[in-house]
Amino acid sequence: MSKKQHTSEITEFFKELDETIKPDSPSRQAEKQKYTEINEKRDNPDYAEKDSKLWEGF
């Protein structure tokens, strides 16, 4: 006898939303890139920062 797993209403909503939104949209790609960079900075102490003119001279 197998039981069907219960999924909440909000989980079903998010599944439907994820299917309707393009998973490879530019905004999603930008978010993925941002978090990849954040994770790289966090996990790699030797991460080379990009040069920024904003902090030049400090």
PDB file of N, CA and C in Angstrom:
ATOM      1  N   MET A   1       0.841  -1.174   0.000  1.00  0.00           N
ATOM      2  CA  MET A   1       0.000   0.000   0.000  1.00  0.00           C
ATOM      3  C   MET A   1       0.892   1.245   0.000  1.00  0.00           C
ATOM      4  N   SER A   2       0.742   2.088  -0.985  1.00  0.00           N
ATOM      5  CA  SER A   2       1.552   3.296  -1.052  1.00  0.00           C
ATOM      6  C   SER A   2       0.679   4.517  -0.801  1.00  0.00           C
ATOM      7  N   LYS A   3       1.292   5.463  -0.150  1.00  0.00           N
ATOM      8  CA  LYS A   3       0.576   6.702   0.154  1.00  0.00           C
ATOM      9  C   LYS A   3       1.020   7.788  -0.813  1.00  0.00           C
ATOM     10  N   LYS A   4       0.086   8.585  -1.209  1.00  0.00           N
ATOM     11  CA  LYS A   4       0.415   9.730  -2.043  1.00  0.00           C
ATOM     12  C   LYS A   4       0.912  10.843  -1.130  1.00  0.00           C
ATOM     13  N   GLN A   5       2.047  11.414  -1.502  1.00  0.00           N
ATOM     14  CA  GLN A   5       2.587  12.489  -0.678  1.00  0.00           C
ATOM     15  C   GLN A   5       1.759  13.747  -0.835  1.00  0.00           C
ATOM     16  N   HIS A   6       1.534  14.401   0.268  1.00  0.00           N
ATOM     17  CA  HIS A   6       0.768  15.641   0.274  1.00  0.00           C
ATOM     18  C   HIS A   6       1.683  16.799  -0.129  1.00  0.00           C
ATOM     19  N   THR A   7       1.206  17.642  -1.014  1.00  0.00           N
ATOM     20  CA  THR A   7       1.924  18.870  -1.341  1.00  0.00           C
ATOM     21  C   THR A   7       1.020  20.037  -0.992  1.00  0.00           C
ATOM     22  N   SER A   8       1.620  21.021  -0.389  1.00  0.00           N
ATOM     23  CA  SER A   8       0.829  22.167   0.050  1.00  0.00           C
ATOM     24  C   SER A   8       0.393  23.014  -1.135  1.00  0.00           C
ATOM     25  N   GLU A   9      -0.552  23.861  -0.857  1.00  0.00           N
ATOM     26  CA  GLU A   9      -1.085  24.759  -1.881  1.00  0.00           C
ATOM     27  C   GLU A   9       0.007  25.701  -2.382  1.00  0.00           C
ATOM     28  N   ILE A  10       0.844  26.174  -1.498  1.00  0.00           N
ATOM     29  CA  ILE A  10       1.903  27.102  -1.893  1.00  0.00           C
ATOM     30  C   ILE A  10       2.947  26.391  -2.752  1.00  0.00           C
ATOM     31  N   THR A  11       3.231  25.123  -2.453  1.00  0.00           N
ATOM     32  CA  THR A  11       4.171  24.356  -3.267  1.00  0.00           C
ATOM     33  C   THR A  11       3.638  24.179  -4.678  1.00  0.00           C
ATOM     34  N   GLU A  12       2.365  23.890  -4.788  1.00  0.00           N
ATOM     35  CA  GLU A  12       1.741  23.757  -6.107  1.00  0.00           C
ATOM     36  C   GLU A  12       1.793  25.085  -6.856  1.00  0.00           C
ATOM     37  N   PHE A  13       1.573  26.179  -6.149  1.00  0.00           N
ATOM     38  CA  PHE A  13       1.637  27.504  -6.763  1.00  0.00           C
ATOM     39  C   PHE A  13       3.032  27.776  -7.311  1.00  0.00           C
ATOM     40  N   PHE A  14       4.063  27.483  -6.515  1.00  0.00           N
ATOM     41  CA  PHE A  14       5.430  27.716  -6.963  1.00  0.00           C
ATOM     42  C   PHE A  14       5.812  26.823  -8.141  1.00  0.00           C
ATOM     43  N   LYS A  15       5.334  25.606  -8.159  1.00  0.00           N
ATOM     44  CA  LYS A  15       5.586  24.715  -9.295  1.00  0.00           C
ATOM     45  C   LYS A  15       4.987  25.296 -10.566  1.00  0.00           C
ATOM     46  N   GLU A  16       3.740  25.730 -10.471  1.00  0.00           N
ATOM     47  CA  GLU A  16       3.051  26.316 -11.616  1.00  0.00           C
ATOM     48  C   GLU A  16       3.740  27.598 -12.068  1.00  0.00           C
ATOM     49  N   LEU A  17       4.131  28.416 -11.124  1.00  0.00           N
ATOM     50  CA  LEU A  17       4.813  29.662 -11.431  1.00  0.00           C
ATOM     51  C   LEU A  17       6.136  29.387 -12.136  1.00  0.00           C
ATOM     52  N   ASP A  18       6.868  28.412 -11.653  1.00  0.00           N
ATOM     53  CA  ASP A  18       8.155  28.074 -12.244  1.00  0.00           C
ATOM     54  C   ASP A  18       7.998  27.563 -13.677  1.00  0.00           C
ATOM     55  N   GLU A  19       6.911  26.875 -13.948  1.00  0.00           N
ATOM     56  CA  GLU A  19       6.663  26.362 -15.294  1.00  0.00           C
ATOM     57  C   GLU A  19       6.257  27.471 -16.259  1.00  0.00           C
ATOM     58  N   THR A  20       5.604  28.512 -15.753  1.00  0.00           N
ATOM     59  CA  THR A  20       5.147  29.582 -16.634  1.00  0.00           C
ATOM     60  C   THR A  20       6.219  30.635 -16.882  1.00  0.00           C
ATOM     61  N   ILE A  21       7.122  30.803 -15.940  1.00  0.00           N
ATOM     62  CA  ILE A  21       8.209  31.771 -16.104  1.00  0.00           C
ATOM     63  C   ILE A  21       9.347  31.081 -16.842  1.00  0.00           C
ATOM     64  N   LYS A  22       9.937  31.768 -17.771  1.00  0.00           N
ATOM     65  CA  LYS A  22      11.041  31.187 -18.516  1.00  0.00           C
ATOM     66  C   LYS A  22      12.231  30.966 -17.585  1.00  0.00           C
ATOM     67  N   PRO A  23      12.706  29.721 -17.470  1.00  0.00           N
ATOM     68  CA  PRO A  23      13.824  29.460 -16.567  1.00  0.00           C
ATOM     69  C   PRO A  23      15.146  30.061 -17.051  1.00  0.00           C
ATOM     70  N   ASP A  24      15.233  30.402 -18.308  1.00  0.00           N
ATOM     71  CA  ASP A  24      16.481  30.960 -18.824  1.00  0.00           C
ATOM     72  C   ASP A  24      16.343  32.436 -19.187  1.00  0.00           C
ATOM     73  N   SER A  25      15.417  33.116 -18.519  1.00  0.00           N
ATOM     74  CA  SER A  25      15.214  34.538 -18.792  1.00  0.00           C
ATOM     75  C   SER A  25      16.460  35.323 -18.370  1.00  0.00           C
ATOM     76  N   PRO A  26      16.681  36.487 -18.949  1.00  0.00           N
ATOM     77  CA  PRO A  26      17.861  37.283 -18.599  1.00  0.00           C
ATOM     78  C   PRO A  26      17.954  37.610 -17.109  1.00  0.00           C
ATOM     79  N   SER A  27      16.817  37.879 -16.474  1.00  0.00           N
ATOM     80  CA  SER A  27      16.857  38.215 -15.051  1.00  0.00           C
ATOM     81  C   SER A  27      17.271  37.010 -14.210  1.00  0.00           C
ATOM     82  N   ARG A  28      16.798  35.823 -14.580  1.00  0.00           N
ATOM     83  CA  ARG A  28      17.202  34.617 -13.852  1.00  0.00           C
ATOM     84  C   ARG A  28      18.675  34.313 -14.082  1.00  0.00           C
ATOM     85  N   GLN A  29      19.150  34.526 -15.294  1.00  0.00           N
ATOM     86  CA  GLN A  29      20.566  34.308 -15.577  1.00  0.00           C
ATOM     87  C   GLN A  29      21.423  35.270 -14.760  1.00  0.00           C
ATOM     88  N   ALA A  30      20.980  36.516 -14.641  1.00  0.00           N
ATOM     89  CA  ALA A  30      21.717  37.504 -13.853  1.00  0.00           C
ATOM     90  C   ALA A  30      21.752  37.104 -12.380  1.00  0.00           C
ATOM     91  N   GLU A  31      20.623  36.617 -11.864  1.00  0.00           N
ATOM     92  CA  GLU A  31      20.582  36.167 -10.468  1.00  0.00           C
ATOM     93  C   GLU A  31      21.514  34.984 -10.246  1.00  0.00           C
ATOM     94  N   LYS A  32      21.501  34.027 -11.176  1.00  0.00           N
ATOM     95  CA  LYS A  32      22.394  32.871 -11.054  1.00  0.00           C
ATOM     96  C   LYS A  32      23.849  33.310 -11.051  1.00  0.00           C
ATOM     97  N   GLN A  33      24.200  34.247 -11.946  1.00  0.00           N
ATOM     98  CA  GLN A  33      25.563  34.745 -12.019  1.00  0.00           C
ATOM     99  C   GLN A  33      25.951  35.466 -10.724  1.00  0.00           C
ATOM    100  N   LYS A  34      25.029  36.248 -10.194  1.00  0.00           N
ATOM    101  CA  LYS A  34      25.294  36.990  -8.964  1.00  0.00           C
ATOM    102  C   LYS A  34      25.587  36.034  -7.813  1.00  0.00           C
ATOM    103  N   TYR A  35      24.750  35.004  -7.653  1.00  0.00           N
ATOM    104  CA  TYR A  35      24.952  34.075  -6.550  1.00  0.00           C
ATOM    105  C   TYR A  35      26.136  33.150  -6.769  1.00  0.00           C
ATOM    106  N   THR A  36      26.468  32.873  -8.022  1.00  0.00           N
ATOM    107  CA  THR A  36      27.686  32.110  -8.300  1.00  0.00           C
ATOM    108  C   THR A  36      28.903  32.897  -7.838  1.00  0.00           C
ATOM    109  N   GLU A  37      28.902  34.194  -8.128  1.00  0.00           N
ATOM    110  CA  GLU A  37      30.010  35.053  -7.714  1.00  0.00           C
ATOM    111  C   GLU A  37      30.067  35.184  -6.193  1.00  0.00           C
ATOM    112  N   ILE A  38      28.921  35.344  -5.554  1.00  0.00           N
ATOM    113  CA  ILE A  38      28.877  35.435  -4.090  1.00  0.00           C
ATOM    114  C   ILE A  38      29.429  34.156  -3.467  1.00  0.00           C
ATOM    115  N   ASN A  39      28.991  33.011  -3.977  1.00  0.00           N
ATOM    116  CA  ASN A  39      29.472  31.736  -3.443  1.00  0.00           C
ATOM    117  C   ASN A  39      30.963  31.561  -3.678  1.00  0.00           C
ATOM    118  N   GLU A  40      31.447  31.991  -4.825  1.00  0.00           N
ATOM    119  CA  GLU A  40      32.874  31.891  -5.122  1.00  0.00           C
ATOM    120  C   GLU A  40      33.683  32.748  -4.150  1.00  0.00           C
ATOM    121  N   LYS A  41      33.216  33.952  -3.880  1.00  0.00           N
ATOM    122  CA  LYS A  41      33.907  34.828  -2.927  1.00  0.00           C
ATOM    123  C   LYS A  41      33.900  34.221  -1.530  1.00  0.00           C
ATOM    124  N   ARG A  42      32.783  33.624  -1.148  1.00  0.00           N
ATOM    125  CA  ARG A  42      32.655  33.037   0.177  1.00  0.00           C
ATOM    126  C   ARG A  42      33.553  31.801   0.336  1.00  0.00           C
ATOM    127  N   ASP A  43      33.570  30.955  -0.689  1.00  0.00           N
ATOM    128  CA  ASP A  43      34.246  29.671  -0.588  1.00  0.00           C
ATOM    129  C   ASP A  43      35.723  29.703  -0.971  1.00  0.00           C
ATOM    130  N   ASN A  44      36.162  30.750  -1.637  1.00  0.00           N
ATOM    131  CA  ASN A  44      37.532  30.818  -2.112  1.00  0.00           C
ATOM    132  C   ASN A  44      38.219  32.057  -1.536  1.00  0.00           C
ATOM    133  N   PRO A  45      39.056  31.873  -0.527  1.00  0.00           N
ATOM    134  CA  PRO A  45      39.702  33.038   0.101  1.00  0.00           C
ATOM    135  C   PRO A  45      40.663  33.765  -0.835  1.00  0.00           C
ATOM    136  N   ASP A  46      41.106  33.117  -1.899  1.00  0.00           N
ATOM    137  CA  ASP A  46      42.036  33.741  -2.843  1.00  0.00           C
ATOM    138  C   ASP A  46      41.325  34.325  -4.060  1.00  0.00           C
ATOM    139  N   TYR A  47      40.034  34.563  -3.934  1.00  0.00           N
ATOM    140  CA  TYR A  47      39.252  35.095  -5.051  1.00  0.00           C
ATOM    141  C   TYR A  47      39.785  36.467  -5.449  1.00  0.00           C
ATOM    142  N   ALA A  48      40.030  36.632  -6.738  1.00  0.00           N
ATOM    143  CA  ALA A  48      40.551  37.914  -7.232  1.00  0.00           C
ATOM    144  C   ALA A  48      39.385  38.870  -7.475  1.00  0.00           C
ATOM    145  N   GLU A  49      39.366  39.949  -6.728  1.00  0.00           N
ATOM    146  CA  GLU A  49      38.315  40.960  -6.892  1.00  0.00           C
ATOM    147  C   GLU A  49      38.507  41.691  -8.214  1.00  0.00           C
ATOM    148  N   LYS A  50      37.395  42.091  -8.803  1.00  0.00           N
ATOM    149  CA  LYS A  50      37.474  42.912 -10.000  1.00  0.00           C
ATOM    150  C   LYS A  50      37.901  44.318  -9.580  1.00  0.00           C
ATOM    151  N   ASP A  51      38.739  44.931 -10.386  1.00  0.00           N
ATOM    152  CA  ASP A  51      39.174  46.289 -10.076  1.00  0.00           C
ATOM    153  C   ASP A  51      38.008  47.264 -10.223  1.00  0.00           C
ATOM    154  N   SER A  52      37.887  48.143  -9.255  1.00  0.00           N
ATOM    155  CA  SER A  52      36.821  49.124  -9.274  1.00  0.00           C
ATOM    156  C   SER A  52      37.428  50.513  -9.080  1.00  0.00           C
ATOM    157  N   LYS A  53      37.052  51.439  -9.947  1.00  0.00           N
ATOM    158  CA  LYS A  53      37.553  52.802  -9.827  1.00  0.00           C
ATOM    159  C   LYS A  53      36.930  53.492  -8.609  1.00  0.00           C
ATOM    160  N   LEU A  54      35.816  52.971  -8.144  1.00  0.00           N
ATOM    161  CA  LEU A  54      35.135  53.587  -7.011  1.00  0.00           C
ATOM    162  C   LEU A  54      36.034  53.628  -5.778  1.00  0.00           C
ATOM    163  N   TRP A  55      36.780  52.544  -5.517  1.00  0.00           N
ATOM    164  CA  TRP A  55      37.601  52.462  -4.313  1.00  0.00           C
ATOM    165  C   TRP A  55      39.065  52.793  -4.562  1.00  0.00           C
ATOM    166  N   GLU A  56      39.366  53.290  -5.748  1.00  0.00           N
ATOM    167  CA  GLU A  56      40.747  53.631  -6.089  1.00  0.00           C
ATOM    168  C   GLU A  56      41.264  54.727  -5.153  1.00  0.00           C
ATOM    169  N   GLY A  57      42.427  54.516  -4.582  1.00  0.00           N
ATOM    170  CA  GLY A  57      43.031  55.517  -3.727  1.00  0.00           C
ATOM    171  C   GLY A  57      42.697  55.373  -2.248  1.00  0.00           C
ATOM    172  N   PHE A  58      41.892  54.404  -1.875  1.00  0.00           N
ATOM    173  CA  PHE A  58      41.564  54.199  -0.467  1.00  0.00           C
ATOM    174  C   PHE A  58      42.474  53.165   0.135  1.00  0.00           C
TER     175      PHE A  58
END
